[in-house]
Amino acid sequence: MNAVVLLTDGEDTDADGISLDQLLTPLRNEQASGQPVPIITIAYGDSSGAQSLAAISAATGGASYEVSDPSRIRDIFLDAVGKRACRPQCQPAGG
């Protein structure tokens, strides 16, 4: 199964870029196509845009994580990759 893992500070700094709604529509269409590619987002930092990243993950059957402690990134990344085959029915981390 293919998946995308995106680790980002999530801060939207491109004033000329597409809006979240413009992104979510094609992502939802791809999810419904029968060949979805889950996007697993890891929001890092205080201005991580976690809500937008969670919406992207939800639209694709992926998962969303938030982290502010860099020492936790490895564990979160391993959880995200390890559960890619069971998406979207996976248990949350620690569950």
N, C-alpha and C. Protein backbone atom coordinates (compact mmCIF):
# COMPACT_ATOMS: atom_id res chain seq x y z
N MET A 1 0.84 -1.18 0.00
CA MET A 1 0.00 0.00 0.00
C MET A 1 0.89 1.24 0.00
N ASN A 2 0.55 2.17 -0.82
CA ASN A 2 1.26 3.46 -0.86
C ASN A 2 0.69 4.38 0.21
N ALA A 3 1.52 5.24 0.71
CA ALA A 3 1.11 6.27 1.67
C ALA A 3 2.13 7.40 1.59
N VAL A 4 1.70 8.56 2.02
CA VAL A 4 2.58 9.73 2.10
C VAL A 4 2.65 10.12 3.57
N VAL A 5 3.86 10.27 4.08
CA VAL A 5 4.06 10.78 5.43
C VAL A 5 4.65 12.17 5.30
N LEU A 6 3.96 13.15 5.85
CA LEU A 6 4.36 14.55 5.73
C LEU A 6 4.68 15.11 7.11
N LEU A 7 5.93 15.44 7.33
CA LEU A 7 6.37 16.10 8.56
C LEU A 7 6.60 17.56 8.22
N THR A 8 5.88 18.44 8.89
CA THR A 8 5.95 19.86 8.53
C THR A 8 5.65 20.74 9.73
N ASP A 9 6.15 21.97 9.65
CA ASP A 9 5.73 22.96 10.63
C ASP A 9 4.33 23.46 10.26
N GLY A 10 3.89 23.16 9.05
CA GLY A 10 2.53 23.42 8.61
C GLY A 10 2.17 24.87 8.41
N GLU A 11 3.08 25.75 8.66
CA GLU A 11 2.78 27.16 8.52
C GLU A 11 2.58 27.50 7.05
N ASP A 12 1.43 28.07 6.73
CA ASP A 12 1.12 28.43 5.35
C ASP A 12 1.73 29.80 5.06
N THR A 13 2.82 29.79 4.31
CA THR A 13 3.53 31.03 4.01
C THR A 13 3.38 31.45 2.55
N ASP A 14 2.58 30.73 1.78
CA ASP A 14 2.40 31.03 0.35
C ASP A 14 1.06 31.72 0.14
N ALA A 15 1.08 33.02 0.11
CA ALA A 15 -0.16 33.80 -0.06
C ALA A 15 -0.82 33.54 -1.40
N ASP A 16 -0.04 33.08 -2.38
CA ASP A 16 -0.60 32.84 -3.72
C ASP A 16 -0.98 31.38 -3.94
N GLY A 17 -0.83 30.53 -2.93
CA GLY A 17 -1.13 29.11 -3.07
C GLY A 17 -2.62 28.85 -3.04
N ILE A 18 -2.97 27.58 -3.23
CA ILE A 18 -4.39 27.21 -3.20
C ILE A 18 -4.88 27.19 -1.75
N SER A 19 -6.17 27.31 -1.61
CA SER A 19 -6.77 27.29 -0.28
C SER A 19 -6.92 25.83 0.19
N LEU A 20 -7.19 25.68 1.46
CA LEU A 20 -7.41 24.34 2.00
C LEU A 20 -8.58 23.67 1.30
N ASP A 21 -9.67 24.39 1.09
CA ASP A 21 -10.83 23.82 0.40
C ASP A 21 -10.49 23.39 -1.02
N GLN A 22 -9.66 24.17 -1.71
CA GLN A 22 -9.26 23.80 -3.06
C GLN A 22 -8.40 22.54 -3.07
N LEU A 23 -7.69 22.28 -2.01
CA LEU A 23 -6.90 21.07 -1.89
C LEU A 23 -7.75 19.87 -1.49
N LEU A 24 -8.67 20.08 -0.56
CA LEU A 24 -9.46 18.95 -0.04
C LEU A 24 -10.36 18.32 -1.08
N THR A 25 -10.91 19.09 -1.99
CA THR A 25 -11.82 18.53 -2.99
C THR A 25 -11.15 17.46 -3.84
N PRO A 26 -10.01 17.70 -4.47
CA PRO A 26 -9.39 16.62 -5.24
C PRO A 26 -8.88 15.47 -4.36
N LEU A 27 -8.47 15.77 -3.14
CA LEU A 27 -8.04 14.68 -2.26
C LEU A 27 -9.20 13.75 -1.93
N ARG A 28 -10.36 14.31 -1.67
CA ARG A 28 -11.55 13.49 -1.41
C ARG A 28 -11.94 12.69 -2.63
N ASN A 29 -11.82 13.28 -3.80
CA ASN A 29 -12.14 12.56 -5.04
C ASN A 29 -11.20 11.38 -5.24
N GLU A 30 -9.93 11.56 -4.96
CA GLU A 30 -8.96 10.47 -5.07
C GLU A 30 -9.28 9.37 -4.06
N GLN A 31 -9.68 9.75 -2.86
CA GLN A 31 -10.04 8.78 -1.83
C GLN A 31 -11.21 7.92 -2.30
N ALA A 32 -12.16 8.53 -2.99
CA ALA A 32 -13.34 7.81 -3.47
C ALA A 32 -13.06 7.00 -4.73
N SER A 33 -11.91 7.18 -5.34
CA SER A 33 -11.62 6.54 -6.63
C SER A 33 -11.35 5.05 -6.53
N GLY A 34 -11.13 4.54 -5.34
CA GLY A 34 -10.82 3.12 -5.20
C GLY A 34 -9.32 2.86 -5.14
N GLN A 35 -8.50 3.86 -5.38
CA GLN A 35 -7.05 3.73 -5.28
C GLN A 35 -6.51 4.87 -4.41
N PRO A 36 -6.98 4.93 -3.17
CA PRO A 36 -6.57 6.04 -2.31
C PRO A 36 -5.11 5.95 -1.87
N VAL A 37 -4.54 7.08 -1.61
CA VAL A 37 -3.20 7.17 -1.02
C VAL A 37 -3.35 8.00 0.26
N PRO A 38 -3.34 7.33 1.41
CA PRO A 38 -3.49 8.06 2.67
C PRO A 38 -2.33 9.04 2.88
N ILE A 39 -2.66 10.22 3.36
CA ILE A 39 -1.65 11.19 3.73
C ILE A 39 -1.62 11.25 5.25
N ILE A 40 -0.48 10.90 5.81
CA ILE A 40 -0.28 10.88 7.25
C ILE A 40 0.53 12.12 7.59
N THR A 41 -0.07 13.02 8.35
CA THR A 41 0.59 14.29 8.64
C THR A 41 1.14 14.29 10.07
N ILE A 42 2.31 14.87 10.21
CA ILE A 42 2.93 15.07 11.51
C ILE A 42 3.18 16.57 11.64
N ALA A 43 2.40 17.22 12.49
CA ALA A 43 2.51 18.66 12.70
C ALA A 43 3.53 18.91 13.78
N TYR A 44 4.56 19.69 13.46
CA TYR A 44 5.63 19.95 14.41
C TYR A 44 5.70 21.43 14.74
N GLY A 45 5.64 21.75 16.02
CA GLY A 45 5.85 23.13 16.46
C GLY A 45 4.57 23.85 16.83
N ASP A 46 4.74 25.07 17.31
CA ASP A 46 3.63 25.86 17.81
C ASP A 46 2.72 26.41 16.71
N SER A 47 3.28 26.73 15.55
CA SER A 47 2.46 27.28 14.46
C SER A 47 2.29 26.23 13.37
N SER A 48 1.95 25.02 13.80
CA SER A 48 1.97 23.87 12.91
C SER A 48 0.78 23.75 11.97
N GLY A 49 -0.25 24.54 12.14
CA GLY A 49 -1.41 24.39 11.28
C GLY A 49 -2.06 23.02 11.45
N ALA A 50 -2.06 22.51 12.68
CA ALA A 50 -2.52 21.15 12.95
C ALA A 50 -3.94 20.89 12.47
N GLN A 51 -4.83 21.86 12.57
CA GLN A 51 -6.21 21.64 12.13
C GLN A 51 -6.28 21.42 10.62
N SER A 52 -5.54 22.19 9.86
CA SER A 52 -5.53 22.01 8.41
C SER A 52 -4.90 20.67 8.04
N LEU A 53 -3.82 20.32 8.72
CA LEU A 53 -3.17 19.03 8.44
C LEU A 53 -4.09 17.87 8.79
N ALA A 54 -4.84 17.99 9.89
CA ALA A 54 -5.79 16.94 10.26
C ALA A 54 -6.89 16.80 9.21
N ALA A 55 -7.32 17.92 8.62
CA ALA A 55 -8.34 17.87 7.56
C ALA A 55 -7.80 17.16 6.32
N ILE A 56 -6.54 17.40 5.99
CA ILE A 56 -5.91 16.73 4.85
C ILE A 56 -5.85 15.23 5.10
N SER A 57 -5.42 14.85 6.30
CA SER A 57 -5.35 13.42 6.64
C SER A 57 -6.73 12.78 6.60
N ALA A 58 -7.71 13.44 7.17
CA ALA A 58 -9.07 12.89 7.21
C ALA A 58 -9.63 12.70 5.80
N ALA A 59 -9.34 13.62 4.91
CA ALA A 59 -9.86 13.54 3.53
C ALA A 59 -9.28 12.37 2.77
N THR A 60 -8.14 11.85 3.23
CA THR A 60 -7.45 10.79 2.49
C THR A 60 -7.44 9.45 3.24
N GLY A 61 -8.09 9.39 4.39
CA GLY A 61 -8.08 8.16 5.17
C GLY A 61 -6.78 7.96 5.92
N GLY A 62 -6.01 9.03 6.07
CA GLY A 62 -4.75 8.97 6.78
C GLY A 62 -4.93 9.26 8.25
N ALA A 63 -3.87 9.63 8.89
CA ALA A 63 -3.89 9.96 10.31
C ALA A 63 -3.12 11.24 10.50
N SER A 64 -3.38 11.87 11.64
CA SER A 64 -2.74 13.14 11.94
C SER A 64 -2.13 13.07 13.33
N TYR A 65 -0.92 13.55 13.44
CA TYR A 65 -0.19 13.58 14.70
C TYR A 65 0.27 15.01 14.95
N GLU A 66 0.41 15.36 16.23
CA GLU A 66 0.99 16.64 16.62
C GLU A 66 2.14 16.36 17.58
N VAL A 67 3.22 17.10 17.40
CA VAL A 67 4.38 16.93 18.27
C VAL A 67 5.09 18.27 18.45
N SER A 68 5.49 18.55 19.69
CA SER A 68 6.29 19.75 19.93
C SER A 68 7.66 19.38 20.49
N ASP A 69 7.81 18.14 20.92
CA ASP A 69 9.08 17.65 21.46
C ASP A 69 9.81 16.87 20.37
N PRO A 70 10.94 17.39 19.89
CA PRO A 70 11.64 16.71 18.79
C PRO A 70 12.08 15.28 19.12
N SER A 71 12.23 14.96 20.39
CA SER A 71 12.63 13.60 20.75
C SER A 71 11.51 12.58 20.52
N ARG A 72 10.29 13.04 20.31
CA ARG A 72 9.15 12.15 20.06
C ARG A 72 8.92 11.89 18.57
N ILE A 73 9.56 12.64 17.69
CA ILE A 73 9.31 12.51 16.25
C ILE A 73 9.58 11.10 15.77
N ARG A 74 10.65 10.48 16.21
CA ARG A 74 10.99 9.12 15.77
C ARG A 74 9.86 8.15 16.11
N ASP A 75 9.37 8.18 17.35
CA ASP A 75 8.30 7.26 17.76
C ASP A 75 7.02 7.50 16.96
N ILE A 76 6.70 8.76 16.75
CA ILE A 76 5.49 9.08 15.98
C ILE A 76 5.65 8.64 14.53
N PHE A 77 6.81 8.88 13.96
CA PHE A 77 7.06 8.45 12.58
C PHE A 77 6.93 6.93 12.46
N LEU A 78 7.51 6.19 13.38
CA LEU A 78 7.42 4.73 13.35
C LEU A 78 5.98 4.26 13.51
N ASP A 79 5.21 4.90 14.36
CA ASP A 79 3.80 4.56 14.51
C ASP A 79 3.04 4.83 13.21
N ALA A 80 3.30 5.98 12.61
CA ALA A 80 2.62 6.36 11.38
C ALA A 80 2.91 5.37 10.26
N VAL A 81 4.16 5.02 10.09
CA VAL A 81 4.55 4.10 9.03
C VAL A 81 4.07 2.68 9.34
N GLY A 82 4.17 2.29 10.59
CA GLY A 82 3.78 0.94 10.98
C GLY A 82 2.30 0.67 10.80
N LYS A 83 1.49 1.68 10.91
CA LYS A 83 0.04 1.50 10.79
C LYS A 83 -0.50 1.83 9.41
N ARG A 84 0.36 2.08 8.44
CA ARG A 84 -0.14 2.52 7.14
C ARG A 84 -1.03 1.49 6.47
N ALA A 85 -0.81 0.20 6.72
CA ALA A 85 -1.61 -0.84 6.07
C ALA A 85 -3.01 -0.97 6.65
N CYS A 86 -3.25 -0.50 7.87
CA CYS A 86 -4.57 -0.66 8.46
C CYS A 86 -5.43 0.61 8.35
N ARG A 87 -4.90 1.65 7.74
CA ARG A 87 -5.65 2.89 7.62
C ARG A 87 -6.91 2.68 6.80
N PRO A 88 -8.02 3.28 7.12
CA PRO A 88 -8.28 4.24 8.19
C PRO A 88 -8.84 3.61 9.47
N GLN A 89 -8.80 2.30 9.63
CA GLN A 89 -9.39 1.65 10.80
C GLN A 89 -8.41 1.42 11.95
N CYS A 90 -7.24 2.00 11.92
CA CYS A 90 -6.22 1.79 12.96
C CYS A 90 -6.65 2.34 14.30
N GLN A 91 -6.09 1.72 15.33
CA GLN A 91 -6.25 2.26 16.68
C GLN A 91 -5.28 3.43 16.84
N PRO A 92 -5.64 4.46 17.60
CA PRO A 92 -4.73 5.58 17.84
C PRO A 92 -3.46 5.12 18.55
N ALA A 93 -2.42 5.93 18.46
CA ALA A 93 -1.17 5.61 19.13
C ALA A 93 -1.43 5.36 20.60
N GLY A 94 -0.84 4.28 21.10
CA GLY A 94 -1.04 3.91 22.49
C GLY A 94 -2.33 3.15 22.73
N GLY A 95 -3.14 2.94 21.65
CA GLY A 95 -4.42 2.26 21.84
C GLY A 95 -4.46 0.92 21.21
